[in-house]
């Protein structure tokens, strides 16, 4: 039986929501090993001069505890 844990991470990108999610995984993987999945909980963006300035995601990252 595997033991899984879920953490919540906020991340951003100036390119896309997909890149923001990748940034979340990249940052979390520095301190968490055995990442199994990511669930995008929320997406938002900040706007400046009628253009998206930052894409933001709130993700839940699931990893296996060994």
N, C-alpha and C. Protein backbone atom coordinates (compact mmCIF):
# COMPACT_ATOMS: atom_id res chain seq x y z
N UNK A 1 0.84 -1.17 0.00
CA UNK A 1 0.00 0.00 0.00
C UNK A 1 0.89 1.25 0.00
N UNK A 2 0.59 2.18 -0.88
CA UNK A 2 1.36 3.42 -0.98
C UNK A 2 0.73 4.50 -0.10
N UNK A 3 1.57 5.33 0.46
CA UNK A 3 1.10 6.48 1.22
C UNK A 3 1.35 7.72 0.36
N UNK A 4 0.29 8.48 0.10
CA UNK A 4 0.39 9.67 -0.73
C UNK A 4 0.11 10.91 0.10
N UNK A 5 0.75 11.99 -0.24
CA UNK A 5 0.54 13.26 0.43
C UNK A 5 0.27 14.32 -0.62
N UNK A 6 -0.54 15.32 -0.27
CA UNK A 6 -0.89 16.40 -1.19
C UNK A 6 -0.45 17.73 -0.59
N UNK A 7 0.24 18.54 -1.40
CA UNK A 7 0.59 19.90 -1.00
C UNK A 7 -0.02 20.87 -2.00
N UNK A 8 -0.23 22.08 -1.56
CA UNK A 8 -0.78 23.12 -2.43
C UNK A 8 0.32 24.13 -2.74
N UNK A 9 0.44 24.47 -4.02
CA UNK A 9 1.50 25.37 -4.47
C UNK A 9 0.90 26.45 -5.36
N UNK A 10 1.36 27.67 -5.18
CA UNK A 10 0.99 28.78 -6.05
C UNK A 10 2.19 29.10 -6.93
N UNK A 11 1.93 29.28 -8.23
CA UNK A 11 3.04 29.57 -9.15
C UNK A 11 2.55 30.52 -10.23
N UNK A 12 3.50 31.17 -10.90
CA UNK A 12 3.13 32.09 -11.97
C UNK A 12 4.11 32.00 -13.13
N UNK A 13 3.71 32.63 -14.24
CA UNK A 13 4.53 32.68 -15.44
C UNK A 13 4.09 33.88 -16.26
N UNK A 14 4.99 34.44 -17.02
CA UNK A 14 4.61 35.53 -17.92
C UNK A 14 4.26 35.00 -19.31
N UNK A 15 4.29 33.65 -19.48
CA UNK A 15 4.03 33.04 -20.79
C UNK A 15 2.67 32.37 -20.91
N UNK A 16 2.31 31.50 -19.93
CA UNK A 16 1.06 30.73 -20.04
C UNK A 16 0.73 30.06 -18.71
N UNK A 17 -0.54 29.58 -18.63
CA UNK A 17 -0.93 28.81 -17.45
C UNK A 17 -0.19 27.48 -17.44
N UNK A 18 0.04 26.91 -18.60
CA UNK A 18 0.78 25.65 -18.68
C UNK A 18 2.20 25.83 -18.13
N UNK A 19 2.84 26.92 -18.50
CA UNK A 19 4.19 27.19 -18.00
C UNK A 19 4.17 27.43 -16.50
N UNK A 20 3.13 28.09 -16.00
CA UNK A 20 3.01 28.31 -14.56
C UNK A 20 2.90 26.97 -13.83
N UNK A 21 2.13 26.02 -14.38
CA UNK A 21 2.02 24.68 -13.76
C UNK A 21 3.36 23.97 -13.80
N UNK A 22 4.08 24.08 -14.90
CA UNK A 22 5.42 23.48 -15.00
C UNK A 22 6.36 24.10 -13.97
N UNK A 23 6.25 25.41 -13.78
CA UNK A 23 7.08 26.09 -12.78
C UNK A 23 6.78 25.57 -11.37
N UNK A 24 5.50 25.29 -11.09
CA UNK A 24 5.12 24.76 -9.78
C UNK A 24 5.78 23.41 -9.54
N UNK A 25 5.72 22.53 -10.54
CA UNK A 25 6.34 21.21 -10.41
C UNK A 25 7.85 21.32 -10.27
N UNK A 26 8.45 22.17 -11.08
CA UNK A 26 9.91 22.34 -11.03
C UNK A 26 10.35 22.83 -9.66
N UNK A 27 9.63 23.79 -9.11
CA UNK A 27 10.00 24.33 -7.80
C UNK A 27 9.76 23.30 -6.69
N UNK A 28 8.60 22.63 -6.73
CA UNK A 28 8.28 21.64 -5.69
C UNK A 28 9.26 20.47 -5.72
N UNK A 29 9.71 20.08 -6.90
CA UNK A 29 10.60 18.92 -7.02
C UNK A 29 11.98 19.15 -6.40
N UNK A 30 12.28 20.39 -6.06
CA UNK A 30 13.55 20.67 -5.38
C UNK A 30 13.55 20.14 -3.96
N UNK A 31 12.37 20.06 -3.34
CA UNK A 31 12.30 19.58 -1.96
C UNK A 31 11.40 18.36 -1.78
N UNK A 32 10.61 18.02 -2.80
CA UNK A 32 9.69 16.88 -2.71
C UNK A 32 10.05 15.88 -3.82
N UNK A 33 10.16 14.63 -3.46
CA UNK A 33 10.48 13.58 -4.44
C UNK A 33 9.26 12.71 -4.67
N UNK A 34 9.31 11.92 -5.72
CA UNK A 34 8.25 10.96 -6.06
C UNK A 34 6.92 11.63 -6.38
N UNK A 35 6.95 12.75 -7.10
CA UNK A 35 5.71 13.43 -7.51
C UNK A 35 4.97 12.53 -8.49
N UNK A 36 3.68 12.34 -8.22
CA UNK A 36 2.85 11.44 -9.03
C UNK A 36 1.85 12.18 -9.91
N UNK A 37 1.32 13.32 -9.44
CA UNK A 37 0.32 14.04 -10.24
C UNK A 37 0.21 15.48 -9.80
N UNK A 38 -0.41 16.27 -10.67
CA UNK A 38 -0.70 17.66 -10.36
C UNK A 38 -2.14 17.94 -10.77
N UNK A 39 -2.86 18.62 -9.91
CA UNK A 39 -4.25 19.00 -10.16
C UNK A 39 -4.33 20.52 -10.15
N UNK A 40 -4.74 21.09 -11.26
CA UNK A 40 -4.85 22.55 -11.32
C UNK A 40 -6.17 22.95 -10.69
N UNK A 41 -6.06 23.57 -9.54
CA UNK A 41 -7.21 23.94 -8.73
C UNK A 41 -7.84 25.25 -9.21
N UNK A 42 -7.02 26.22 -9.52
CA UNK A 42 -7.50 27.54 -9.96
C UNK A 42 -6.51 28.14 -10.95
N UNK A 43 -7.06 28.97 -11.84
CA UNK A 43 -6.24 29.76 -12.74
C UNK A 43 -6.69 31.20 -12.63
N UNK A 44 -5.74 32.11 -12.69
CA UNK A 44 -6.06 33.53 -12.70
C UNK A 44 -4.95 34.26 -13.44
N UNK A 45 -5.16 35.54 -13.67
CA UNK A 45 -4.15 36.33 -14.37
C UNK A 45 -4.21 37.76 -13.89
N UNK A 46 -3.07 38.42 -13.91
CA UNK A 46 -3.04 39.85 -13.64
C UNK A 46 -2.95 40.57 -14.99
N UNK A 47 -3.61 41.70 -15.08
CA UNK A 47 -3.71 42.44 -16.34
C UNK A 47 -3.11 43.83 -16.17
N UNK A 48 -2.36 44.26 -17.18
CA UNK A 48 -1.79 45.59 -17.19
C UNK A 48 -1.90 46.13 -18.61
N UNK A 49 -2.39 47.33 -18.76
CA UNK A 49 -2.55 47.96 -20.08
C UNK A 49 -3.35 47.06 -21.04
N UNK A 50 -4.42 46.47 -20.52
CA UNK A 50 -5.32 45.62 -21.30
C UNK A 50 -4.68 44.34 -21.83
N UNK A 51 -3.58 43.91 -21.23
CA UNK A 51 -2.90 42.68 -21.64
C UNK A 51 -2.56 41.85 -20.39
N UNK A 52 -2.56 40.53 -20.56
CA UNK A 52 -2.19 39.67 -19.44
C UNK A 52 -0.71 39.85 -19.15
N UNK A 53 -0.44 40.16 -17.89
CA UNK A 53 0.94 40.37 -17.46
C UNK A 53 1.51 39.09 -16.81
N UNK A 54 0.71 38.43 -15.97
CA UNK A 54 1.15 37.22 -15.28
C UNK A 54 0.02 36.20 -15.27
N UNK A 55 0.34 34.96 -15.65
CA UNK A 55 -0.58 33.84 -15.53
C UNK A 55 -0.29 33.18 -14.18
N UNK A 56 -1.35 32.88 -13.43
CA UNK A 56 -1.16 32.30 -12.10
C UNK A 56 -1.98 31.02 -11.97
N UNK A 57 -1.40 30.05 -11.27
CA UNK A 57 -2.11 28.80 -10.99
C UNK A 57 -1.98 28.44 -9.53
N UNK A 58 -3.01 27.82 -9.02
CA UNK A 58 -3.02 27.23 -7.69
C UNK A 58 -3.15 25.74 -7.95
N UNK A 59 -2.12 24.96 -7.63
CA UNK A 59 -2.12 23.54 -7.95
C UNK A 59 -1.99 22.69 -6.69
N UNK A 60 -2.51 21.48 -6.79
CA UNK A 60 -2.32 20.48 -5.75
C UNK A 60 -1.39 19.42 -6.33
N UNK A 61 -0.30 19.19 -5.64
CA UNK A 61 0.71 18.23 -6.09
C UNK A 61 0.66 17.01 -5.17
N UNK A 62 0.52 15.84 -5.79
CA UNK A 62 0.47 14.58 -5.04
C UNK A 62 1.80 13.87 -5.20
N UNK A 63 2.34 13.40 -4.07
CA UNK A 63 3.59 12.66 -4.12
C UNK A 63 3.53 11.47 -3.17
N UNK A 64 4.35 10.48 -3.47
CA UNK A 64 4.38 9.27 -2.65
C UNK A 64 5.41 9.41 -1.54
N UNK A 65 5.00 9.05 -0.34
CA UNK A 65 5.89 9.06 0.81
C UNK A 65 6.46 7.66 0.97
N UNK A 66 7.79 7.57 1.01
CA UNK A 66 8.43 6.24 1.14
C UNK A 66 9.04 6.07 2.50
